[in-house]
Amino acid sequence: MNVFSFDNTFEGLLTLIFESYRQGRFPDEILSGEGSPGVLFGSTILVETDDRKAERVWKGIISHSSEENAHRIYRVFLADIRDTPLLLAKFICFTIDSVKNEETNFAEPLVLEVHKIHQKVCKEAHRVQMFVRFQKTIEASYYASFAPMYDVLPLCIPHFRDRYADQSWIIYDLKRNYGFLYDLKNVSRVVFDELKVNTQNGQLHSALLAVDEILFQKLWKQYYRSICIQERKNDKVHRQLLPKRFWKYLPEKGIL
């Protein structure tokens, strides 16, 4: 049984693919992260990330399919699902070993599964872009946090950087404990050891909010209630367009 372990980065997964070809052993199981459990029988092949090897596999994917397919693989990796690395390893090898471009061969279960996960990840990224609510801080910067189903924050950053290029902001993933800081020039990844945030609804502590932010949230809630026509409420459609798991992060909902 061939068991491979990597550092749970996309470059690490591509390096793992490179090593499996070099060693002539395809993984039966892939462990990711430092806390991954070992195997009862046999040894684990620990793969150290090598950007040059990863780049060769990336170019190999493009040459055997397309650049869009390579980016699709990256987005599926962000699904952050336990079995995704092994699925992608199989898909990448299938792509490279095929004599023709198989990226749209939906009769192949492997291809179909990858496309299904890709659709879910893209849909979640779109929802985050729509439903994120920024809070103005006492430092006149802006903060937003949430816990998306998939690790889609890297996919959303270009949208926020272009949309809010004239203000500094932090967007934080509470579930995975990391975020991105934009300082009007550059975007950088940040991790906070201690967050003064209500992790249940993503709200900053009141002491950190600007005075006009507190007033704005009150006005926003009042406006939201006033435009609601009770006789025309359709909760089923409302939940389809705005999944309930996002409600607690919306100030207008006022849900703890």
C-alpha atoms as a PDB file:
ATOM      1  CA  MET A   1       0.000   0.000   0.000  1.00  0.00           C
ATOM      2  CA  ASN A   2       1.494   3.290  -1.140  1.00  0.00           C
ATOM      3  CA  VAL A   3       0.767   6.052   1.375  1.00  0.00           C
ATOM      4  CA  PHE A   4       2.008   9.567   0.643  1.00  0.00           C
ATOM      5  CA  SER A   5       1.999  12.556   2.980  1.00  0.00           C
ATOM      6  CA  PHE A   6       2.328  16.251   2.070  1.00  0.00           C
ATOM      7  CA  ASP A   7       2.013  19.661   3.718  1.00  0.00           C
ATOM      8  CA  ASN A   8      -1.572  20.318   2.554  1.00  0.00           C
ATOM      9  CA  THR A   9      -0.560  23.010   0.066  1.00  0.00           C
ATOM     10  CA  PHE A  10      -1.407  22.958  -3.630  1.00  0.00           C
ATOM     11  CA  GLU A  11       2.281  23.092  -4.542  1.00  0.00           C
ATOM     12  CA  GLY A  12       2.839  20.184  -2.172  1.00  0.00           C
ATOM     13  CA  LEU A  13       0.191  18.118  -3.959  1.00  0.00           C
ATOM     14  CA  LEU A  14       1.786  18.817  -7.352  1.00  0.00           C
ATOM     15  CA  THR A  15       5.165  17.842  -5.912  1.00  0.00           C
ATOM     16  CA  LEU A  16       3.578  14.604  -4.675  1.00  0.00           C
ATOM     17  CA  ILE A  17       2.391  13.853  -8.222  1.00  0.00           C
ATOM     18  CA  PHE A  18       5.914  14.472  -9.532  1.00  0.00           C
ATOM     19  CA  GLU A  19       7.409  12.106  -6.949  1.00  0.00           C
ATOM     20  CA  SER A  20       4.841   9.386  -7.664  1.00  0.00           C
ATOM     21  CA  TYR A  21       5.901   9.411 -11.328  1.00  0.00           C
ATOM     22  CA  ARG A  22       9.596   9.537 -10.442  1.00  0.00           C
ATOM     23  CA  GLN A  23       9.317   6.615  -8.033  1.00  0.00           C
ATOM     24  CA  GLY A  24       6.863   4.693 -10.208  1.00  0.00           C
ATOM     25  CA  ARG A  25       4.390   4.361  -7.340  1.00  0.00           C
ATOM     26  CA  PHE A  26       0.897   5.808  -7.413  1.00  0.00           C
ATOM     27  CA  PRO A  27      -0.609   6.710  -4.019  1.00  0.00           C
ATOM     28  CA  ASP A  28      -3.346   4.475  -2.612  1.00  0.00           C
ATOM     29  CA  GLU A  29      -3.842   6.982   0.183  1.00  0.00           C
ATOM     30  CA  ILE A  30      -2.782  10.585   0.735  1.00  0.00           C
ATOM     31  CA  LEU A  31      -2.324  12.135   4.165  1.00  0.00           C
ATOM     32  CA  SER A  32      -2.206  15.905   4.526  1.00  0.00           C
ATOM     33  CA  GLY A  33      -1.118  18.205   7.343  1.00  0.00           C
ATOM     34  CA  GLU A  34       1.092  17.678  10.358  1.00  0.00           C
ATOM     35  CA  GLY A  35      -1.637  16.038  12.416  1.00  0.00           C
ATOM     36  CA  SER A  36      -2.446  13.329   9.903  1.00  0.00           C
ATOM     37  CA  PRO A  37      -2.698   9.841  11.390  1.00  0.00           C
ATOM     38  CA  GLY A  38      -0.173   7.245  10.327  1.00  0.00           C
ATOM     39  CA  VAL A  39      -0.884   3.879   8.774  1.00  0.00           C
ATOM     40  CA  LEU A  40      -1.120   0.585  10.615  1.00  0.00           C
ATOM     41  CA  PHE A  41       0.810  -1.429   8.053  1.00  0.00           C
ATOM     42  CA  GLY A  42       3.606  -0.123   5.872  1.00  0.00           C
ATOM     43  CA  SER A  43       5.425   3.192   5.848  1.00  0.00           C
ATOM     44  CA  THR A  44       4.420   6.672   4.758  1.00  0.00           C
ATOM     45  CA  ILE A  45       6.304   8.485   2.016  1.00  0.00           C
ATOM     46  CA  LEU A  46       6.794  12.066   3.193  1.00  0.00           C
ATOM     47  CA  VAL A  47       6.936  14.524   0.296  1.00  0.00           C
ATOM     48  CA  GLU A  48       8.614  17.896   0.790  1.00  0.00           C
ATOM     49  CA  THR A  49       7.233  20.704  -1.360  1.00  0.00           C
ATOM     50  CA  ASP A  50       9.477  21.687  -4.250  1.00  0.00           C
ATOM     51  CA  ASP A  51       8.286  24.627  -6.345  1.00  0.00           C
ATOM     52  CA  ARG A  52      10.292  23.542  -9.399  1.00  0.00           C
ATOM     53  CA  LYS A  53       8.757  20.072  -9.395  1.00  0.00           C
ATOM     54  CA  ALA A  54       5.306  21.576  -8.832  1.00  0.00           C
ATOM     55  CA  GLU A  55       5.819  23.935 -11.764  1.00  0.00           C
ATOM     56  CA  ARG A  56       6.701  21.029 -14.055  1.00  0.00           C
ATOM     57  CA  VAL A  57       3.496  19.197 -13.145  1.00  0.00           C
ATOM     58  CA  TRP A  58       1.461  22.409 -13.574  1.00  0.00           C
ATOM     59  CA  LYS A  59       2.880  22.882 -17.077  1.00  0.00           C
ATOM     60  CA  GLY A  60       2.267  19.195 -17.812  1.00  0.00           C
ATOM     61  CA  ILE A  61      -1.421  19.593 -16.943  1.00  0.00           C
ATOM     62  CA  ILE A  62      -1.707  22.592 -19.247  1.00  0.00           C
ATOM     63  CA  SER A  63       0.086  20.886 -22.127  1.00  0.00           C
ATOM     64  CA  HIS A  64      -2.133  17.790 -21.896  1.00  0.00           C
ATOM     65  CA  SER A  65      -5.393  19.693 -21.408  1.00  0.00           C
ATOM     66  CA  SER A  66      -5.701  23.463 -20.955  1.00  0.00           C
ATOM     67  CA  GLU A  67      -4.808  26.323 -18.644  1.00  0.00           C
ATOM     68  CA  GLU A  68      -8.444  26.503 -17.546  1.00  0.00           C
ATOM     69  CA  ASN A  69      -8.275  22.844 -16.512  1.00  0.00           C
ATOM     70  CA  ALA A  70      -5.179  23.566 -14.418  1.00  0.00           C
ATOM     71  CA  HIS A  71      -6.989  26.404 -12.633  1.00  0.00           C
ATOM     72  CA  ARG A  72     -10.032  24.161 -12.221  1.00  0.00           C
ATOM     73  CA  ILE A  73      -7.843  21.642 -10.398  1.00  0.00           C
ATOM     74  CA  TYR A  74      -6.599  24.402  -8.097  1.00  0.00           C
ATOM     75  CA  ARG A  75     -10.147  25.518  -7.290  1.00  0.00           C
ATOM     76  CA  VAL A  76     -11.196  21.936  -6.539  1.00  0.00           C
ATOM     77  CA  PHE A  77      -8.214  21.640  -4.181  1.00  0.00           C
ATOM     78  CA  LEU A  78      -9.715  24.551  -2.227  1.00  0.00           C
ATOM     79  CA  ALA A  79     -12.790  22.436  -1.529  1.00  0.00           C
ATOM     80  CA  ASP A  80     -10.860  21.444   1.593  1.00  0.00           C
ATOM     81  CA  ILE A  81     -12.459  17.983   1.650  1.00  0.00           C
ATOM     82  CA  ARG A  82     -10.548  15.072   3.159  1.00  0.00           C
ATOM     83  CA  ASP A  83     -10.490  12.850   0.049  1.00  0.00           C
ATOM     84  CA  THR A  84      -9.931  15.665  -2.449  1.00  0.00           C
ATOM     85  CA  PRO A  85      -6.108  15.270  -2.696  1.00  0.00           C
ATOM     86  CA  LEU A  86      -6.416  11.614  -3.748  1.00  0.00           C
ATOM     87  CA  LEU A  87      -9.223  12.447  -6.186  1.00  0.00           C
ATOM     88  CA  LEU A  88      -7.116  15.182  -7.765  1.00  0.00           C
ATOM     89  CA  ALA A  89      -4.050  12.939  -7.891  1.00  0.00           C
ATOM     90  CA  LYS A  90      -6.053  10.411  -9.895  1.00  0.00           C
ATOM     91  CA  PHE A  91      -7.498  13.143 -12.099  1.00  0.00           C
ATOM     92  CA  ILE A  92      -4.116  14.751 -12.798  1.00  0.00           C
ATOM     93  CA  CYS A  93      -2.521  11.416 -13.704  1.00  0.00           C
ATOM     94  CA  PHE A  94      -5.516  10.584 -15.882  1.00  0.00           C
ATOM     95  CA  THR A  95      -5.099  13.935 -17.629  1.00  0.00           C
ATOM     96  CA  ILE A  96      -1.362  13.544 -18.190  1.00  0.00           C
ATOM     97  CA  ASP A  97      -1.502   9.890 -19.271  1.00  0.00           C
ATOM     98  CA  SER A  98      -4.381  10.328 -21.739  1.00  0.00           C
ATOM     99  CA  VAL A  99      -3.528  10.611 -25.425  1.00  0.00           C
ATOM    100  CA  LYS A 100      -6.208  13.294 -25.876  1.00  0.00           C
ATOM    101  CA  ASN A 101      -7.756  16.075 -23.816  1.00  0.00           C
ATOM    102  CA  GLU A 102     -10.222  14.420 -21.429  1.00  0.00           C
ATOM    103  CA  GLU A 103     -11.235  17.448 -19.335  1.00  0.00           C
ATOM    104  CA  THR A 104     -14.802  17.475 -20.746  1.00  0.00           C
ATOM    105  CA  ASN A 105     -15.248  13.711 -20.990  1.00  0.00           C
ATOM    106  CA  PHE A 106     -18.159  13.560 -18.526  1.00  0.00           C
ATOM    107  CA  ALA A 107     -18.734   9.889 -19.317  1.00  0.00           C
ATOM    108  CA  GLU A 108     -15.643   9.310 -17.180  1.00  0.00           C
ATOM    109  CA  PRO A 109     -16.763   9.270 -13.479  1.00  0.00           C
ATOM    110  CA  LEU A 110     -13.494  10.831 -12.353  1.00  0.00           C
ATOM    111  CA  VAL A 111     -13.941  13.841 -14.632  1.00  0.00           C
ATOM    112  CA  LEU A 112     -17.572  14.241 -13.649  1.00  0.00           C
ATOM    113  CA  GLU A 113     -16.769  14.198  -9.931  1.00  0.00           C
ATOM    114  CA  VAL A 114     -14.104  16.876 -10.324  1.00  0.00           C
ATOM    115  CA  HIS A 115     -16.496  19.107 -12.260  1.00  0.00           C
ATOM    116  CA  LYS A 116     -19.225  18.667  -9.637  1.00  0.00           C
ATOM    117  CA  ILE A 117     -16.917  19.747  -6.827  1.00  0.00           C
ATOM    118  CA  HIS A 118     -15.654  22.626  -8.966  1.00  0.00           C
ATOM    119  CA  GLN A 119     -19.186  23.946  -9.413  1.00  0.00           C
ATOM    120  CA  LYS A 120     -19.803  23.827  -5.662  1.00  0.00           C
ATOM    121  CA  VAL A 121     -16.577  25.690  -4.873  1.00  0.00           C
ATOM    122  CA  CYS A 122     -17.275  28.415  -7.451  1.00  0.00           C
ATOM    123  CA  LYS A 123     -20.826  28.812  -6.152  1.00  0.00           C
ATOM    124  CA  GLU A 124     -19.575  29.233  -2.595  1.00  0.00           C
ATOM    125  CA  ALA A 125     -17.014  31.823  -3.709  1.00  0.00           C
ATOM    126  CA  HIS A 126     -19.761  33.781  -5.465  1.00  0.00           C
ATOM    127  CA  ARG A 127     -21.909  33.686  -2.329  1.00  0.00           C
ATOM    128  CA  VAL A 128     -19.073  35.021  -0.213  1.00  0.00           C
ATOM    129  CA  GLN A 129     -18.595  37.918  -2.607  1.00  0.00           C
ATOM    130  CA  MET A 130     -22.309  38.746  -2.353  1.00  0.00           C
ATOM    131  CA  PHE A 131     -22.887  38.272   1.369  1.00  0.00           C
ATOM    132  CA  VAL A 132     -19.760  39.581   3.077  1.00  0.00           C
ATOM    133  CA  ARG A 133     -20.532  42.631   5.256  1.00  0.00           C
ATOM    134  CA  PHE A 134     -17.694  44.966   6.210  1.00  0.00           C
ATOM    135  CA  GLN A 135     -17.582  46.691   9.589  1.00  0.00           C
ATOM    136  CA  LYS A 136     -15.841  50.040   9.982  1.00  0.00           C
ATOM    137  CA  THR A 137     -13.322  50.087  12.826  1.00  0.00           C
ATOM    138  CA  ILE A 138     -12.167  52.923  15.074  1.00  0.00           C
ATOM    139  CA  GLU A 139      -9.026  53.069  12.887  1.00  0.00           C
ATOM    140  CA  ALA A 140     -11.196  53.779   9.806  1.00  0.00           C
ATOM    141  CA  SER A 141     -10.264  50.444   8.260  1.00  0.00           C
ATOM    142  CA  TYR A 142     -12.806  47.719   7.455  1.00  0.00           C
ATOM    143  CA  TYR A 143     -13.201  44.188   8.734  1.00  0.00           C
ATOM    144  CA  ALA A 144     -15.312  41.212   7.669  1.00  0.00           C
ATOM    145  CA  SER A 145     -15.292  37.582   8.772  1.00  0.00           C
ATOM    146  CA  PHE A 146     -17.252  34.430   8.051  1.00  0.00           C
ATOM    147  CA  ALA A 147     -16.882  30.631   7.959  1.00  0.00           C
ATOM    148  CA  PRO A 148     -17.452  29.400   4.387  1.00  0.00           C
ATOM    149  CA  MET A 149     -18.140  25.773   3.589  1.00  0.00           C
ATOM    150  CA  TYR A 150     -15.041  25.607   1.358  1.00  0.00           C
ATOM    151  CA  ASP A 151     -11.674  27.366   1.484  1.00  0.00           C
ATOM    152  CA  VAL A 152     -12.707  29.964  -1.091  1.00  0.00           C
ATOM    153  CA  LEU A 153     -11.115  33.087   0.379  1.00  0.00           C
ATOM    154  CA  PRO A 154      -8.141  33.048  -2.063  1.00  0.00           C
ATOM    155  CA  LEU A 155     -10.620  33.014  -4.965  1.00  0.00           C
ATOM    156  CA  CYS A 156     -12.508  36.036  -3.624  1.00  0.00           C
ATOM    157  CA  ILE A 157      -9.578  38.346  -2.892  1.00  0.00           C
ATOM    158  CA  PRO A 158      -9.172  39.681  -6.485  1.00  0.00           C
ATOM    159  CA  HIS A 159     -12.843  40.752  -6.417  1.00  0.00           C
ATOM    160  CA  PHE A 160     -12.494  42.626  -3.113  1.00  0.00           C
ATOM    161  CA  ARG A 161      -9.170  44.172  -4.106  1.00  0.00           C
ATOM    162  CA  ASP A 162     -10.733  45.644  -7.245  1.00  0.00           C
ATOM    163  CA  ARG A 163     -14.102  46.494  -5.680  1.00  0.00           C
ATOM    164  CA  TYR A 164     -12.705  48.149  -2.539  1.00  0.00           C
ATOM    165  CA  ALA A 165      -9.375  49.445  -3.795  1.00  0.00           C
ATOM    166  CA  ASP A 166      -9.772  52.823  -2.038  1.00  0.00           C
ATOM    167  CA  GLN A 167     -10.007  51.484   1.527  1.00  0.00           C
ATOM    168  CA  SER A 168      -7.930  49.248   3.746  1.00  0.00           C
ATOM    169  CA  TRP A 169      -9.586  46.040   4.879  1.00  0.00           C
ATOM    170  CA  ILE A 170      -9.209  42.612   6.443  1.00  0.00           C
ATOM    171  CA  ILE A 171     -11.262  39.588   5.413  1.00  0.00           C
ATOM    172  CA  TYR A 172     -10.958  36.646   7.781  1.00  0.00           C
ATOM    173  CA  ASP A 173     -11.953  32.986   7.584  1.00  0.00           C
ATOM    174  CA  LEU A 174     -13.030  32.045  11.107  1.00  0.00           C
ATOM    175  CA  LYS A 175     -13.229  28.337  10.321  1.00  0.00           C
ATOM    176  CA  ARG A 176      -9.644  28.057   9.034  1.00  0.00           C
ATOM    177  CA  ASN A 177      -8.170  30.860  11.150  1.00  0.00           C
ATOM    178  CA  TYR A 178      -6.494  32.962   8.473  1.00  0.00           C
ATOM    179  CA  GLY A 179      -7.324  35.969   6.352  1.00  0.00           C
ATOM    180  CA  PHE A 180      -6.005  38.658   4.027  1.00  0.00           C
ATOM    181  CA  LEU A 181      -5.048  42.257   4.734  1.00  0.00           C
ATOM    182  CA  TYR A 182      -5.207  44.974   2.075  1.00  0.00           C
ATOM    183  CA  ASP A 183      -3.251  48.161   2.920  1.00  0.00           C
ATOM    184  CA  LEU A 184      -4.187  50.212  -0.188  1.00  0.00           C
ATOM    185  CA  LYS A 185      -1.150  48.803  -1.991  1.00  0.00           C
ATOM    186  CA  ASN A 186      -0.634  45.119  -1.345  1.00  0.00           C
ATOM    187  CA  VAL A 187      -2.595  42.099  -0.183  1.00  0.00           C
ATOM    188  CA  SER A 188      -0.926  39.898   2.420  1.00  0.00           C
ATOM    189  CA  ARG A 189      -1.982  36.801   4.326  1.00  0.00           C
ATOM    190  CA  VAL A 190      -2.525  37.262   8.073  1.00  0.00           C
ATOM    191  CA  VAL A 191      -3.155  34.991  11.057  1.00  0.00           C
ATOM    192  CA  PHE A 192      -4.313  36.291  14.446  1.00  0.00           C
ATOM    193  CA  ASP A 193      -3.495  34.459  17.672  1.00  0.00           C
ATOM    194  CA  GLU A 194      -6.307  36.342  19.400  1.00  0.00           C
ATOM    195  CA  LEU A 195      -9.336  37.759  17.637  1.00  0.00           C
ATOM    196  CA  LYS A 196     -11.564  40.294  19.377  1.00  0.00           C
ATOM    197  CA  VAL A 197     -14.493  38.965  17.414  1.00  0.00           C
ATOM    198  CA  ASN A 198     -17.670  37.133  18.269  1.00  0.00           C
ATOM    199  CA  THR A 199     -16.942  33.879  16.429  1.00  0.00           C
ATOM    200  CA  GLN A 200     -20.652  33.047  16.363  1.00  0.00           C
ATOM    201  CA  ASN A 201     -21.610  35.952  14.084  1.00  0.00           C
ATOM    202  CA  GLY A 202     -18.326  37.541  12.969  1.00  0.00           C
ATOM    203  CA  GLN A 203     -19.061  40.821  14.759  1.00  0.00           C
ATOM    204  CA  LEU A 204     -16.164  42.849  16.136  1.00  0.00           C
ATOM    205  CA  HIS A 205     -16.308  43.800  19.798  1.00  0.00           C
ATOM    206  CA  SER A 206     -18.199  47.069  20.175  1.00  0.00           C
ATOM    207  CA  ALA A 207     -15.088  48.838  21.536  1.00  0.00           C
ATOM    208  CA  LEU A 208     -13.403  48.338  18.163  1.00  0.00           C
ATOM    209  CA  LEU A 209     -16.271  49.671  16.046  1.00  0.00           C
ATOM    210  CA  ALA A 210     -16.415  53.224  14.753  1.00  0.00           C
ATOM    211  CA  VAL A 211     -19.262  55.310  16.185  1.00  0.00           C
ATOM    212  CA  ASP A 212     -20.879  55.764  12.791  1.00  0.00           C
ATOM    213  CA  GLU A 213     -20.631  52.008  12.156  1.00  0.00           C
ATOM    214  CA  ILE A 214     -22.818  51.273  15.178  1.00  0.00           C
ATOM    215  CA  LEU A 215     -25.345  53.855  13.968  1.00  0.00           C
ATOM    216  CA  PHE A 216     -25.207  52.508  10.419  1.00  0.00           C
ATOM    217  CA  GLN A 217     -25.948  48.963  11.571  1.00  0.00           C
ATOM    218  CA  LYS A 218     -29.001  50.202  13.470  1.00  0.00           C
ATOM    219  CA  LEU A 219     -30.237  52.121  10.426  1.00  0.00           C
ATOM    220  CA  TRP A 220     -29.573  49.145   8.168  1.00  0.00           C
ATOM    221  CA  LYS A 221     -31.621  46.838  10.391  1.00  0.00           C
ATOM    222  CA  GLN A 222     -34.458  49.359  10.482  1.00  0.00           C
ATOM    223  CA  TYR A 223     -34.378  49.740   6.680  1.00  0.00           C
ATOM    224  CA  TYR A 224     -34.338  45.960   6.218  1.00  0.00           C
ATOM    225  CA  ARG A 225     -37.415  45.560   8.408  1.00  0.00           C
ATOM    226  CA  SER A 226     -39.274  48.438   6.815  1.00  0.00           C
ATOM    227  CA  ILE A 227     -38.978  47.141   3.229  1.00  0.00           C
ATOM    228  CA  CYS A 228     -40.120  43.656   4.183  1.00  0.00           C
ATOM    229  CA  ILE A 229     -43.691  42.997   3.049  1.00  0.00           C
ATOM    230  CA  GLN A 230     -44.957  40.294   5.367  1.00  0.00           C
ATOM    231  CA  GLU A 231     -47.746  39.214   3.016  1.00  0.00           C
ATOM    232  CA  ARG A 232     -45.238  38.493   0.247  1.00  0.00           C
ATOM    233  CA  LYS A 233     -42.650  36.614   2.272  1.00  0.00           C
ATOM    234  CA  ASN A 234     -41.459  33.365   0.721  1.00  0.00           C
ATOM    235  CA  ASP A 235     -39.086  31.716   3.159  1.00  0.00           C
ATOM    236  CA  LYS A 236     -38.302  28.805   0.834  1.00  0.00           C
ATOM    237  CA  VAL A 237     -37.084  31.063  -1.991  1.00  0.00           C
ATOM    238  CA  HIS A 238     -35.323  33.303   0.510  1.00  0.00           C
ATOM    239  CA  ARG A 239     -33.273  30.364   1.826  1.00  0.00           C
ATOM    240  CA  GLN A 240     -32.452  29.255  -1.720  1.00  0.00           C
ATOM    241  CA  LEU A 241     -31.064  32.685  -2.640  1.00  0.00           C
ATOM    242  CA  LEU A 242     -29.529  33.364   0.767  1.00  0.00           C
ATOM    243  CA  PRO A 243     -28.557  30.131   2.583  1.00  0.00           C
ATOM    244  CA  LYS A 244     -29.423  30.202   6.261  1.00  0.00           C
ATOM    245  CA  ARG A 245     -25.840  29.491   7.352  1.00  0.00           C
ATOM    246  CA  PHE A 246     -24.932  33.027   6.153  1.00  0.00           C
ATOM    247  CA  TRP A 247     -27.674  34.787   8.115  1.00  0.00           C
ATOM    248  CA  LYS A 248     -25.743  35.089  11.363  1.00  0.00           C
ATOM    249  CA  TYR A 249     -23.004  37.083   9.598  1.00  0.00           C
ATOM    250  CA  LEU A 250     -25.433  39.703   8.244  1.00  0.00           C
ATOM    251  CA  PRO A 251     -25.998  42.704  10.518  1.00  0.00           C
ATOM    252  CA  GLU A 252     -29.432  43.306   8.992  1.00  0.00           C
ATOM    253  CA  LYS A 253     -30.536  39.899  10.235  1.00  0.00           C
ATOM    254  CA  GLY A 254     -29.445  40.565  13.771  1.00  0.00           C
ATOM    255  CA  ILE A 255     -28.998  36.851  14.534  1.00  0.00           C
ATOM    256  CA  LEU A 256     -26.592  35.774  17.282  1.00  0.00           C
END
